[in-house]
PDB file of N, CA and C in Angstrom:
ATOM      1  N   MET A   1       2.273 -28.171   8.565  1.00  0.00           N
ATOM      2  CA  MET A   1       2.818 -26.647   8.813  1.00  0.00           C
ATOM      3  C   MET A   1       3.866 -26.230   8.325  1.00  0.00           C
ATOM      4  N   ASN A   2       4.167 -25.063   8.160  1.00  0.00           N
ATOM      5  CA  ASN A   2       5.382 -24.587   7.644  1.00  0.00           C
ATOM      6  C   ASN A   2       5.938 -23.659   8.786  1.00  0.00           C
ATOM      7  N   SER A   3       7.069 -23.921   9.174  1.00  0.00           N
ATOM      8  CA  SER A   3       7.716 -23.076  10.338  1.00  0.00           C
ATOM      9  C   SER A   3       8.621 -21.936   9.845  1.00  0.00           C
ATOM     10  N   LYS A   4       8.711 -20.868  10.676  1.00  0.00           N
ATOM     11  CA  LYS A   4       9.559 -20.107  10.126  1.00  0.00           C
ATOM     12  C   LYS A   4      10.125 -19.065  11.619  1.00  0.00           C
ATOM     13  N   TYR A   5      11.389 -18.809  11.521  1.00  0.00           N
ATOM     14  CA  TYR A   5      11.656 -17.833  12.563  1.00  0.00           C
ATOM     15  C   TYR A   5      11.429 -16.329  11.951  1.00  0.00           C
ATOM     16  N   LEU A   6      10.824 -15.503  12.768  1.00  0.00           N
ATOM     17  CA  LEU A   6      10.347 -14.260  12.443  1.00  0.00           C
ATOM     18  C   LEU A   6      11.081 -13.021  13.145  1.00  0.00           C
ATOM     19  N   ASP A   7      11.907 -12.313  12.353  1.00  0.00           N
ATOM     20  CA  ASP A   7      13.156 -11.357  13.141  1.00  0.00           C
ATOM     21  C   ASP A   7      12.848  -9.982  12.472  1.00  0.00           C
ATOM     22  N   ASP A   8      12.485  -9.143  13.458  1.00  0.00           N
ATOM     23  CA  ASP A   8      12.076  -7.729  13.116  1.00  0.00           C
ATOM     24  C   ASP A   8      13.328  -6.576  13.202  1.00  0.00           C
ATOM     25  N   SER A   9      14.400  -7.238  13.095  1.00  0.00           N
ATOM     26  CA  SER A   9      15.511  -6.544  13.537  1.00  0.00           C
ATOM     27  C   SER A   9      15.844  -5.538  11.999  1.00  0.00           C
ATOM     28  N   CYS A  10      16.398  -4.488  12.234  1.00  0.00           N
ATOM     29  CA  CYS A  10      16.833  -3.700  11.226  1.00  0.00           C
ATOM     30  C   CYS A  10      17.999  -2.566  11.741  1.00  0.00           C
ATOM     31  N   ASP A  11      19.017  -2.514  11.350  1.00  0.00           N
ATOM     32  CA  ASP A  11      20.066  -2.196  11.702  1.00  0.00           C
ATOM     33  C   ASP A  11      20.411  -2.377  13.157  1.00  0.00           C
ATOM     34  N   ASN A  12      20.985  -1.580  13.963  1.00  0.00           N
ATOM     35  CA  ASN A  12      21.411  -1.836  15.455  1.00  0.00           C
ATOM     36  C   ASN A  12      20.206  -1.765  16.487  1.00  0.00           C
ATOM     37  N   GLN A  13      19.212  -1.780  15.909  1.00  0.00           N
ATOM     38  CA  GLN A  13      17.790  -1.746  16.979  1.00  0.00           C
ATOM     39  C   GLN A  13      17.578  -2.872  17.526  1.00  0.00           C
ATOM     40  N   GLU A  14      16.955  -2.980  18.888  1.00  0.00           N
ATOM     41  CA  GLU A  14      16.557  -3.978  19.760  1.00  0.00           C
ATOM     42  C   GLU A  14      15.664  -4.793  18.838  1.00  0.00           C
ATOM     43  N   THR A  15      15.806  -6.392  18.934  1.00  0.00           N
ATOM     44  CA  THR A  15      14.973  -7.034  17.844  1.00  0.00           C
ATOM     45  C   THR A  15      14.213  -7.842  18.887  1.00  0.00           C
ATOM     46  N   ASN A  16      13.075  -8.605  18.242  1.00  0.00           N
ATOM     47  CA  ASN A  16      12.321  -9.340  18.774  1.00  0.00           C
ATOM     48  C   ASN A  16      12.303 -10.608  17.540  1.00  0.00           C
ATOM     49  N   THR A  17      12.432 -11.804  18.125  1.00  0.00           N
ATOM     50  CA  THR A  17      12.458 -13.076  17.130  1.00  0.00           C
ATOM     51  C   THR A  17      11.790 -14.126  17.858  1.00  0.00           C
ATOM     52  N   LYS A  18      10.792 -14.685  17.041  1.00  0.00           N
ATOM     53  CA  LYS A  18       9.947 -15.839  17.603  1.00  0.00           C
ATOM     54  C   LYS A  18       9.738 -16.790  16.260  1.00  0.00           C
ATOM     55  N   GLU A  19       9.579 -18.130  16.869  1.00  0.00           N
ATOM     56  CA  GLU A  19       9.049 -18.934  15.710  1.00  0.00           C
ATOM     57  C   GLU A  19       7.744 -19.246  15.433  1.00  0.00           C
ATOM     58  N   VAL A  20       7.227 -19.031  14.415  1.00  0.00           N
ATOM     59  CA  VAL A  20       6.024 -19.047  14.346  1.00  0.00           C
ATOM     60  C   VAL A  20       5.593 -20.280  13.230  1.00  0.00           C
ATOM     61  N   GLU A  21       4.607 -21.064  13.564  1.00  0.00           N
ATOM     62  CA  GLU A  21       3.974 -22.079  12.428  1.00  0.00           C
ATOM     63  C   GLU A  21       2.731 -21.797  11.562  1.00  0.00           C
ATOM     64  N   PHE A  22       3.142 -21.964  10.411  1.00  0.00           N
ATOM     65  CA  PHE A  22       2.009 -21.172   9.388  1.00  0.00           C
ATOM     66  C   PHE A  22       1.385 -22.465   8.701  1.00  0.00           C
ATOM     67  N   ARG A  23      -0.293 -22.640   9.030  1.00  0.00           N
ATOM     68  CA  ARG A  23      -0.833 -23.539   8.427  1.00  0.00           C
ATOM     69  C   ARG A  23      -1.288 -23.104   7.033  1.00  0.00           C
ATOM     70  N   ASP A  24      -1.545 -21.770   6.822  1.00  0.00           N
ATOM     71  CA  ASP A  24      -1.848 -21.345   5.582  1.00  0.00           C
ATOM     72  C   ASP A  24      -0.719 -20.345   4.921  1.00  0.00           C
ATOM     73  N   PRO A  25      -0.291 -20.783   3.860  1.00  0.00           N
ATOM     74  CA  PRO A  25       0.767 -20.110   2.994  1.00  0.00           C
ATOM     75  C   PRO A  25       0.094 -18.802   2.845  1.00  0.00           C
ATOM     76  N   VAL A  26      -0.771 -18.375   2.441  1.00  0.00           N
ATOM     77  CA  VAL A  26      -1.469 -17.143   2.261  1.00  0.00           C
ATOM     78  C   VAL A  26      -1.051 -16.212   3.303  1.00  0.00           C
ATOM     79  N   VAL A  27      -1.305 -16.619   4.871  1.00  0.00           N
ATOM     80  CA  VAL A  27      -1.175 -15.910   5.877  1.00  0.00           C
ATOM     81  C   VAL A  27       0.303 -15.576   5.936  1.00  0.00           C
ATOM     82  N   GLU A  28       1.187 -16.761   5.748  1.00  0.00           N
ATOM     83  CA  GLU A  28       2.665 -16.663   5.594  1.00  0.00           C
ATOM     84  C   GLU A  28       3.343 -15.439   4.792  1.00  0.00           C
ATOM     85  N   ARG A  29       2.528 -15.385   3.733  1.00  0.00           N
ATOM     86  CA  ARG A  29       3.053 -14.481   2.686  1.00  0.00           C
ATOM     87  C   ARG A  29       2.635 -12.886   3.128  1.00  0.00           C
ATOM     88  N   VAL A  30       1.422 -12.817   3.958  1.00  0.00           N
ATOM     89  CA  VAL A  30       0.981 -11.439   4.222  1.00  0.00           C
ATOM     90  C   VAL A  30       1.887 -11.103   5.370  1.00  0.00           C
ATOM     91  N   VAL A  31       2.262 -12.106   6.339  1.00  0.00           N
ATOM     92  CA  VAL A  31       3.061 -11.730   7.504  1.00  0.00           C
ATOM     93  C   VAL A  31       4.372 -11.095   6.909  1.00  0.00           C
ATOM     94  N   ASP A  32       4.948 -12.149   5.880  1.00  0.00           N
ATOM     95  CA  ASP A  32       6.152 -11.776   5.371  1.00  0.00           C
ATOM     96  C   ASP A  32       6.366 -10.015   4.574  1.00  0.00           C
ATOM     97  N   ARG A  33       4.962  -9.942   4.248  1.00  0.00           N
ATOM     98  CA  ARG A  33       4.850  -8.324   3.491  1.00  0.00           C
ATOM     99  C   ARG A  33       4.992  -7.463   4.782  1.00  0.00           C
ATOM    100  N   PHE A  34       4.156  -7.689   5.725  1.00  0.00           N
ATOM    101  CA  PHE A  34       4.254  -6.888   7.018  1.00  0.00           C
ATOM    102  C   PHE A  34       5.683  -6.643   7.341  1.00  0.00           C
ATOM    103  N   ILE A  35       6.398  -7.440   7.481  1.00  0.00           N
ATOM    104  CA  ILE A  35       7.674  -7.452   7.995  1.00  0.00           C
ATOM    105  C   ILE A  35       8.537  -6.509   6.894  1.00  0.00           C
ATOM    106  N   GLU A  36       8.580  -7.041   5.766  1.00  0.00           N
ATOM    107  CA  GLU A  36       9.232  -6.155   4.657  1.00  0.00           C
ATOM    108  C   GLU A  36       8.757  -4.563   4.695  1.00  0.00           C
ATOM    109  N   ARG A  37       7.383  -4.506   4.882  1.00  0.00           N
ATOM    110  CA  ARG A  37       7.033  -2.947   4.912  1.00  0.00           C
ATOM    111  C   ARG A  37       7.442  -2.025   6.160  1.00  0.00           C
ATOM    112  N   SER A  38       7.742  -3.093   7.492  1.00  0.00           N
ATOM    113  CA  SER A  38       8.055  -2.438   8.671  1.00  0.00           C
ATOM    114  C   SER A  38       9.657  -2.024   8.238  1.00  0.00           C
ATOM    115  N   ASP A  39      10.360  -2.697   7.355  1.00  0.00           N
ATOM    116  CA  ASP A  39      11.982  -2.672   7.294  1.00  0.00           C
ATOM    117  C   ASP A  39      11.844  -1.334   6.541  1.00  0.00           C
ATOM    118  N   VAL A  40      10.919  -1.289   5.419  1.00  0.00           N
ATOM    119  CA  VAL A  40      11.191  -0.299   4.564  1.00  0.00           C
ATOM    120  C   VAL A  40      10.771   1.272   5.313  1.00  0.00           C
ATOM    121  N   GLY A  41       9.676   0.989   6.375  1.00  0.00           N
ATOM    122  CA  GLY A  41       9.552   2.159   6.880  1.00  0.00           C
ATOM    123  C   GLY A  41      10.332   2.619   8.065  1.00  0.00           C
ATOM    124  N   TYR A  42      11.142   1.759   8.676  1.00  0.00           N
ATOM    125  CA  TYR A  42      12.329   2.020   9.435  1.00  0.00           C
ATOM    126  C   TYR A  42      13.683   2.644   8.675  1.00  0.00           C
ATOM    127  N   ALA A  43      13.945   2.124   7.414  1.00  0.00           N
ATOM    128  CA  ALA A  43      14.973   2.663   6.609  1.00  0.00           C
ATOM    129  C   ALA A  43      14.489   3.862   6.250  1.00  0.00           C
ATOM    130  N   LYS A  44      13.102   4.351   5.871  1.00  0.00           N
ATOM    131  CA  LYS A  44      12.754   5.615   5.464  1.00  0.00           C
ATOM    132  C   LYS A  44      12.825   6.741   6.648  1.00  0.00           C
ATOM    133  N   TYR A  45      12.148   6.452   7.716  1.00  0.00           N
ATOM    134  CA  TYR A  45      12.059   7.267   8.776  1.00  0.00           C
ATOM    135  C   TYR A  45      12.868   6.981   9.949  1.00  0.00           C
ATOM    136  N   GLY A  46      13.668   6.098  10.133  1.00  0.00           N
ATOM    137  CA  GLY A  46      14.490   5.908  11.317  1.00  0.00           C
ATOM    138  C   GLY A  46      14.071   5.694  12.448  1.00  0.00           C
ATOM    139  N   THR A  47      12.681   5.193  12.481  1.00  0.00           N
ATOM    140  CA  THR A  47      11.852   5.094  13.960  1.00  0.00           C
ATOM    141  C   THR A  47      10.954   3.853  13.522  1.00  0.00           C
ATOM    142  N   THR A  48      10.425   3.285  14.688  1.00  0.00           N
ATOM    143  CA  THR A  48       9.256   2.312  14.546  1.00  0.00           C
ATOM    144  C   THR A  48       8.057   3.078  15.067  1.00  0.00           C
ATOM    145  N   LEU A  49       7.123   2.162  14.718  1.00  0.00           N
ATOM    146  CA  LEU A  49       5.651   2.625  15.018  1.00  0.00           C
ATOM    147  C   LEU A  49       5.528   2.741  16.602  1.00  0.00           C
ATOM    148  N   HIS A  50       6.150   1.650  17.285  1.00  0.00           N
ATOM    149  CA  HIS A  50       6.323   1.764  18.605  1.00  0.00           C
ATOM    150  C   HIS A  50       6.850   3.017  19.214  1.00  0.00           C
ATOM    151  N   GLU A  51       7.861   3.434  18.902  1.00  0.00           N
ATOM    152  CA  GLU A  51       9.010   4.395  19.157  1.00  0.00           C
ATOM    153  C   GLU A  51       7.989   5.526  18.850  1.00  0.00           C
ATOM    154  N   GLU A  52       7.445   5.706  17.849  1.00  0.00           N
ATOM    155  CA  GLU A  52       6.950   7.069  17.217  1.00  0.00           C
ATOM    156  C   GLU A  52       5.628   7.402  18.413  1.00  0.00           C
ATOM    157  N   ARG A  53       5.012   6.125  18.682  1.00  0.00           N
ATOM    158  CA  ARG A  53       3.750   6.389  19.360  1.00  0.00           C
ATOM    159  C   ARG A  53       4.120   6.533  21.045  1.00  0.00           C
ATOM    160  N   THR A  54       5.336   5.801  21.513  1.00  0.00           N
ATOM    161  CA  THR A  54       5.420   6.156  23.096  1.00  0.00           C
ATOM    162  C   THR A  54       6.584   7.184  23.135  1.00  0.00           C
ATOM    163  N   THR A  55       6.936   7.712  22.214  1.00  0.00           N
ATOM    164  CA  THR A  55       7.685   8.926  22.606  1.00  0.00           C
ATOM    165  C   THR A  55       6.830  10.142  22.021  1.00  0.00           C
ATOM    166  N   LYS A  56       5.626   9.894  21.577  1.00  0.00           N
ATOM    167  CA  LYS A  56       4.624  11.145  21.337  1.00  0.00           C
ATOM    168  C   LYS A  56       5.136  11.917  19.909  1.00  0.00           C
ATOM    169  N   MET A  57       5.762  11.126  19.320  1.00  0.00           N
ATOM    170  CA  MET A  57       6.198  12.005  18.047  1.00  0.00           C
ATOM    171  C   MET A  57       4.987  12.200  16.976  1.00  0.00           C
ATOM    172  N   LYS A  58       4.045  11.421  17.367  1.00  0.00           N
ATOM    173  CA  LYS A  58       2.935  11.787  16.670  1.00  0.00           C
ATOM    174  C   LYS A  58       1.648  11.587  17.360  1.00  0.00           C
ATOM    175  N   ASP A  59       0.708  12.456  17.199  1.00  0.00           N
ATOM    176  CA  ASP A  59      -0.564  12.655  18.017  1.00  0.00           C
ATOM    177  C   ASP A  59      -1.663  11.757  17.515  1.00  0.00           C
ATOM    178  N   LEU A  60      -2.771  11.423  17.989  1.00  0.00           N
ATOM    179  CA  LEU A  60      -3.819  10.533  17.555  1.00  0.00           C
ATOM    180  C   LEU A  60      -4.318  11.110  16.138  1.00  0.00           C
ATOM    181  N   LEU A  61      -4.551  12.551  16.095  1.00  0.00           N
ATOM    182  CA  LEU A  61      -4.907  13.223  14.943  1.00  0.00           C
ATOM    183  C   LEU A  61      -4.154  12.932  13.867  1.00  0.00           C
ATOM    184  N   LYS A  62      -2.970  12.810  13.813  1.00  0.00           N
ATOM    185  CA  LYS A  62      -2.135  12.743  12.680  1.00  0.00           C
ATOM    186  C   LYS A  62      -1.949  11.008  12.510  1.00  0.00           C
ATOM    187  N   TYR A  63      -1.940  10.288  13.456  1.00  0.00           N
ATOM    188  CA  TYR A  63      -2.461   8.854  12.841  1.00  0.00           C
ATOM    189  C   TYR A  63      -3.734   8.844  12.260  1.00  0.00           C
ATOM    190  N   LEU A  64      -4.754   9.431  12.558  1.00  0.00           N
ATOM    191  CA  LEU A  64      -6.161   9.376  11.990  1.00  0.00           C
ATOM    192  C   LEU A  64      -5.986   9.882  10.423  1.00  0.00           C
ATOM    193  N   ASN A  65      -5.158  10.994  10.366  1.00  0.00           N
ATOM    194  CA  ASN A  65      -4.992  11.509   9.133  1.00  0.00           C
ATOM    195  C   ASN A  65      -4.077  10.474   8.188  1.00  0.00           C
ATOM    196  N   ASP A  66      -3.217   9.930   8.953  1.00  0.00           N
ATOM    197  CA  ASP A  66      -2.401   9.010   8.037  1.00  0.00           C
ATOM    198  C   ASP A  66      -3.427   7.884   7.461  1.00  0.00           C
ATOM    199  N   ILE A  67      -4.269   7.295   8.304  1.00  0.00           N
ATOM    200  CA  ILE A  67      -4.990   6.136   8.082  1.00  0.00           C
ATOM    201  C   ILE A  67      -6.192   6.851   6.803  1.00  0.00           C
ATOM    202  N   GLN A  68      -6.740   7.943   7.106  1.00  0.00           N
ATOM    203  CA  GLN A  68      -7.612   8.438   6.001  1.00  0.00           C
ATOM    204  C   GLN A  68      -6.882   8.593   4.666  1.00  0.00           C
ATOM    205  N   GLU A  69      -5.822   9.094   4.809  1.00  0.00           N
ATOM    206  CA  GLU A  69      -5.161   9.308   3.285  1.00  0.00           C
ATOM    207  C   GLU A  69      -4.664   7.983   2.743  1.00  0.00           C
ATOM    208  N   GLU A  70      -4.208   7.016   3.527  1.00  0.00           N
ATOM    209  CA  GLU A  70      -4.119   5.550   3.052  1.00  0.00           C
ATOM    210  C   GLU A  70      -5.327   4.881   2.325  1.00  0.00           C
ATOM    211  N   LEU A  71      -6.452   5.192   3.213  1.00  0.00           N
ATOM    212  CA  LEU A  71      -7.662   4.589   2.638  1.00  0.00           C
ATOM    213  C   LEU A  71      -8.045   5.336   1.484  1.00  0.00           C
ATOM    214  N   MET A  72      -7.869   6.463   1.291  1.00  0.00           N
ATOM    215  CA  MET A  72      -8.327   7.189   0.236  1.00  0.00           C
ATOM    216  C   MET A  72      -7.332   6.698  -1.238  1.00  0.00           C
ATOM    217  N   ASP A  73      -6.137   6.444  -0.911  1.00  0.00           N
ATOM    218  CA  ASP A  73      -5.190   5.833  -1.996  1.00  0.00           C
ATOM    219  C   ASP A  73      -5.797   4.380  -2.335  1.00  0.00           C
ATOM    220  N   ALA A  74      -6.204   3.720  -1.204  1.00  0.00           N
ATOM    221  CA  ALA A  74      -6.775   2.142  -1.555  1.00  0.00           C
ATOM    222  C   ALA A  74      -8.185   2.411  -2.565  1.00  0.00           C
ATOM    223  N   VAL A  75      -8.896   3.175  -2.218  1.00  0.00           N
ATOM    224  CA  VAL A  75     -10.196   3.313  -3.089  1.00  0.00           C
ATOM    225  C   VAL A  75      -9.706   3.723  -4.282  1.00  0.00           C
ATOM    226  N   LEU A  76      -8.574   4.538  -4.576  1.00  0.00           N
ATOM    227  CA  LEU A  76      -8.357   4.978  -5.948  1.00  0.00           C
ATOM    228  C   LEU A  76      -7.615   3.723  -6.646  1.00  0.00           C
ATOM    229  N   TYR A  77      -6.858   2.877  -5.933  1.00  0.00           N
ATOM    230  CA  TYR A  77      -6.273   1.703  -6.636  1.00  0.00           C
ATOM    231  C   TYR A  77      -7.294   0.565  -6.824  1.00  0.00           C
ATOM    232  N   LEU A  78      -8.379   0.516  -6.221  1.00  0.00           N
ATOM    233  CA  LEU A  78      -9.436  -0.291  -6.403  1.00  0.00           C
ATOM    234  C   LEU A  78     -10.161   0.301  -7.712  1.00  0.00           C
ATOM    235  N   GLN A  79     -10.568   1.256  -7.730  1.00  0.00           N
ATOM    236  CA  GLN A  79     -11.231   1.858  -8.906  1.00  0.00           C
ATOM    237  C   GLN A  79     -10.201   1.728 -10.348  1.00  0.00           C
ATOM    238  N   THR A  80      -8.997   1.730 -10.113  1.00  0.00           N
ATOM    239  CA  THR A  80      -8.116   1.650 -11.348  1.00  0.00           C
ATOM    240  C   THR A  80      -8.268   0.040 -11.633  1.00  0.00           C
ATOM    241  N   ALA A  81      -8.088  -0.728 -10.532  1.00  0.00           N
ATOM    242  CA  ALA A  81      -7.982  -2.148 -10.974  1.00  0.00           C
ATOM    243  C   ALA A  81      -9.371  -2.675 -11.484  1.00  0.00           C
ATOM    244  N   LYS A  82     -10.537  -2.060 -10.730  1.00  0.00           N
ATOM    245  CA  LYS A  82     -11.616  -2.480 -11.753  1.00  0.00           C
ATOM    246  C   LYS A  82     -11.943  -1.927 -13.086  1.00  0.00           C
ATOM    247  N   GLU A  83     -11.209  -1.006 -13.390  1.00  0.00           N
ATOM    248  CA  GLU A  83     -11.292  -0.240 -14.567  1.00  0.00           C
ATOM    249  C   GLU A  83     -10.387  -1.201 -15.532  1.00  0.00           C
ATOM    250  N   GLU A  84      -9.240  -1.623 -15.157  1.00  0.00           N
ATOM    251  CA  GLU A  84      -8.442  -2.392 -15.630  1.00  0.00           C
ATOM    252  C   GLU A  84      -9.160  -3.714 -16.001  1.00  0.00           C
ATOM    253  N   ILE A  85      -9.610  -4.229 -15.299  1.00  0.00           N
ATOM    254  CA  ILE A  85     -10.559  -5.613 -15.284  1.00  0.00           C
ATOM    255  C   ILE A  85     -11.676  -5.373 -16.571  1.00  0.00           C
ATOM    256  N   GLU A  86     -12.534  -4.386 -16.250  1.00  0.00           N
ATOM    257  CA  GLU A  86     -13.686  -4.054 -17.219  1.00  0.00           C
ATOM    258  C   GLU A  86     -12.744  -3.681 -18.807  1.00  0.00           C
ATOM    259  N   ASP A  87     -11.841  -3.093 -18.812  1.00  0.00           N
ATOM    260  CA  ASP A  87     -11.183  -2.491 -20.177  1.00  0.00           C
ATOM    261  C   ASP A  87     -10.428  -3.833 -21.027  1.00  0.00           C
ATOM    262  N   THR A  88     -10.013  -4.908 -19.778  1.00  0.00           N
ATOM    263  CA  THR A  88      -9.515  -6.228 -20.392  1.00  0.00           C
ATOM    264  C   THR A  88     -10.568  -7.061 -21.055  1.00  0.00           C
ATOM    265  N   LYS A  89     -11.706  -7.162 -20.279  1.00  0.00           N
ATOM    266  CA  LYS A  89     -12.756  -7.861 -20.516  1.00  0.00           C
ATOM    267  C   LYS A  89     -13.366  -7.414 -21.967  1.00  0.00           C
ATOM    268  N   LYS A  90     -13.284  -6.068 -22.110  1.00  0.00           N
ATOM    269  CA  LYS A  90     -14.052  -5.345 -23.492  1.00  0.00           C
ATOM    270  C   LYS A  90     -13.274  -5.235 -24.355  1.00  0.00           C
ATOM    271  N   GLY A  91     -11.850  -5.767 -24.400  1.00  0.00           N
ATOM    272  CA  GLY A  91     -10.590  -5.798 -25.181  1.00  0.00           C
ATOM    273  C   GLY A  91     -10.425  -4.281 -25.919  1.00  0.00           C
ATOM    274  N   TYR A  92     -10.512  -3.341 -25.066  1.00  0.00           N
ATOM    275  CA  TYR A  92     -10.391  -1.694 -25.387  1.00  0.00           C
ATOM    276  C   TYR A  92      -8.709  -1.707 -25.655  1.00  0.00           C
ATOM    277  N   THR A  93      -8.636  -0.830 -26.805  1.00  0.00           N
ATOM    278  CA  THR A  93      -7.365  -0.534 -27.138  1.00  0.00           C
ATOM    279  C   THR A  93      -7.056   0.705 -26.502  1.00  0.00           C
ATOM    280  N   TYR A  94      -5.880   1.200 -26.741  1.00  0.00           N
ATOM    281  CA  TYR A  94      -5.652   2.401 -25.764  1.00  0.00           C
ATOM    282  C   TYR A  94      -6.298   3.670 -26.422  1.00  0.00           C
ATOM    283  N   PRO A  95      -6.476   4.003 -27.854  1.00  0.00           N
ATOM    284  CA  PRO A  95      -7.192   4.828 -28.427  1.00  0.00           C
ATOM    285  C   PRO A  95      -8.481   5.115 -28.049  1.00  0.00           C
ATOM    286  N   GLU A  96      -9.339   3.643 -28.084  1.00  0.00           N
ATOM    287  CA  GLU A  96     -10.574   3.554 -27.456  1.00  0.00           C
ATOM    288  C   GLU A  96     -10.946   3.880 -25.758  1.00  0.00           C
ATOM    289  N   PHE A  97      -9.909   3.517 -25.146  1.00  0.00           N
ATOM    290  CA  PHE A  97      -9.727   3.989 -23.705  1.00  0.00           C
ATOM    291  C   PHE A  97      -9.680   5.630 -23.683  1.00  0.00           C
ATOM    292  N   LYS A  98      -8.991   6.141 -24.492  1.00  0.00           N
ATOM    293  CA  LYS A  98      -9.013   7.624 -24.325  1.00  0.00           C
ATOM    294  C   LYS A  98     -10.057   8.260 -24.716  1.00  0.00           C
ATOM    295  N   GLU A  99     -10.802   7.676 -25.623  1.00  0.00           N
ATOM    296  CA  GLU A  99     -12.114   8.145 -26.317  1.00  0.00           C
ATOM    297  C   GLU A  99     -13.111   8.219 -25.169  1.00  0.00           C
ATOM    298  N   LYS A 100     -13.083   6.693 -24.407  1.00  0.00           N
ATOM    299  CA  LYS A 100     -14.207   6.697 -23.542  1.00  0.00           C
ATOM    300  C   LYS A 100     -13.947   7.293 -22.076  1.00  0.00           C
ATOM    301  N   TYR A 101     -12.786   7.674 -21.698  1.00  0.00           N
ATOM    302  CA  TYR A 101     -12.270   8.224 -20.410  1.00  0.00           C
ATOM    303  C   TYR A 101     -11.995   9.686 -20.476  1.00  0.00           C
ATOM    304  N   TYR A 102     -11.649  10.231 -21.613  1.00  0.00           N
ATOM    305  CA  TYR A 102     -10.853  11.446 -21.657  1.00  0.00           C
ATOM    306  C   TYR A 102     -11.689  12.397 -22.922  1.00  0.00           C
ATOM    307  N   ARG A 103     -11.765  13.554 -22.451  1.00  0.00           N
ATOM    308  CA  ARG A 103     -12.214  14.607 -23.383  1.00  0.00           C
ATOM    309  C   ARG A 103     -11.285  15.575 -23.710  1.00  0.00           C
ATOM    310  N   SER A 104     -10.828  16.011 -25.051  1.00  0.00           N
ATOM    311  CA  SER A 104      -9.838  16.901 -25.405  1.00  0.00           C
ATOM    312  C   SER A 104     -10.406  18.201 -25.134  1.00  0.00           C
ATOM    313  N   GLU A 105      -9.746  19.158 -24.568  1.00  0.00           N
ATOM    314  CA  GLU A 105      -9.905  20.472 -24.482  1.00  0.00           C
ATOM    315  C   GLU A 105      -9.104  21.437 -25.496  1.00  0.00           C
ATOM    316  N   GLU A 106      -9.957  22.220 -26.210  1.00  0.00           N
ATOM    317  CA  GLU A 106      -9.290  23.043 -27.300  1.00  0.00           C
ATOM    318  C   GLU A 106      -8.147  24.053 -26.346  1.00  0.00           C
ATOM    319  N   ASN A 107      -7.173  24.079 -27.224  1.00  0.00           N
ATOM    320  CA  ASN A 107      -6.087  25.101 -26.743  1.00  0.00           C
ATOM    321  C   ASN A 107      -5.477  24.693 -25.258  1.00  0.00           C
ATOM    322  N   THR A 108      -5.474  23.533 -24.909  1.00  0.00           N
ATOM    323  CA  THR A 108      -5.037  22.955 -23.450  1.00  0.00           C
ATOM    324  C   THR A 108      -4.591  21.609 -23.870  1.00  0.00           C
ATOM    325  N   LYS A 109      -3.676  21.390 -22.876  1.00  0.00           N
ATOM    326  CA  LYS A 109      -2.719  19.865 -23.167  1.00  0.00           C
ATOM    327  C   LYS A 109      -3.653  19.204 -21.878  1.00  0.00           C
ATOM    328  N   GLU A 110      -4.047  19.689 -20.795  1.00  0.00           N
ATOM    329  CA  GLU A 110      -4.906  19.040 -19.641  1.00  0.00           C
ATOM    330  C   GLU A 110      -6.098  17.983 -20.227  1.00  0.00           C
ATOM    331  N   LYS A 111      -6.279  16.991 -19.705  1.00  0.00           N
ATOM    332  CA  LYS A 111      -7.496  16.259 -20.003  1.00  0.00           C
ATOM    333  C   LYS A 111      -8.278  15.914 -18.726  1.00  0.00           C
ATOM    334  N   GLU A 112      -9.518  16.147 -18.819  1.00  0.00           N
ATOM    335  CA  GLU A 112     -10.398  16.058 -17.724  1.00  0.00           C
ATOM    336  C   GLU A 112     -11.061  14.561 -17.765  1.00  0.00           C
ATOM    337  N   VAL A 113     -11.011  14.007 -16.562  1.00  0.00           N
ATOM    338  CA  VAL A 113     -11.600  12.450 -16.706  1.00  0.00           C
ATOM    339  C   VAL A 113     -13.028  12.578 -16.646  1.00  0.00           C
ATOM    340  N   LEU A 114     -13.627  11.738 -17.383  1.00  0.00           N
ATOM    341  CA  LEU A 114     -15.056  11.758 -17.704  1.00  0.00           C
ATOM    342  C   LEU A 114     -15.403  10.529 -16.911  1.00  0.00           C
ATOM    343  N   LEU A 115     -16.079  10.581 -15.726  1.00  0.00           N
ATOM    344  CA  LEU A 115     -16.611   9.292 -14.871  1.00  0.00           C
ATOM    345  C   LEU A 115     -18.142   9.294 -14.903  1.00  0.00           C
TER     346      LEU A 115
END
C-alpha cells in the first residue's frame, strides 16, 4: 500500500492533515485531483465549500442549480468524447467531419449542427 499525507491547506486558512494509505493507485489519483480542485476553487472564490454552506453564502437551490449545470456540461463532454472516438474509428478528416456534422447557410457565417 502507498501512504501519503493529505493536507488541505491553502493560504493562511485552518488546515486538516491526515495520513492515508492507498491500496489502489487509481483512488489515490482521484483523491489528488479532488485536493487540487479544492485548491483551485479556494484560489478562485476565496472560500471553502464548508464556509460557503455554514455561513449560508449559498442556499440549497443554488447548490442544486450548480449541480445541474455541471451535469449538463458533463453530458456535452461525454457526447464530444463519443464523437471523437467514432470519428477516429472511421478515420474522418476535418473536411469529412464538417460535411457530416455541419450545413452551410447561404449569406451567413453561422453553422447549424446536424444531429
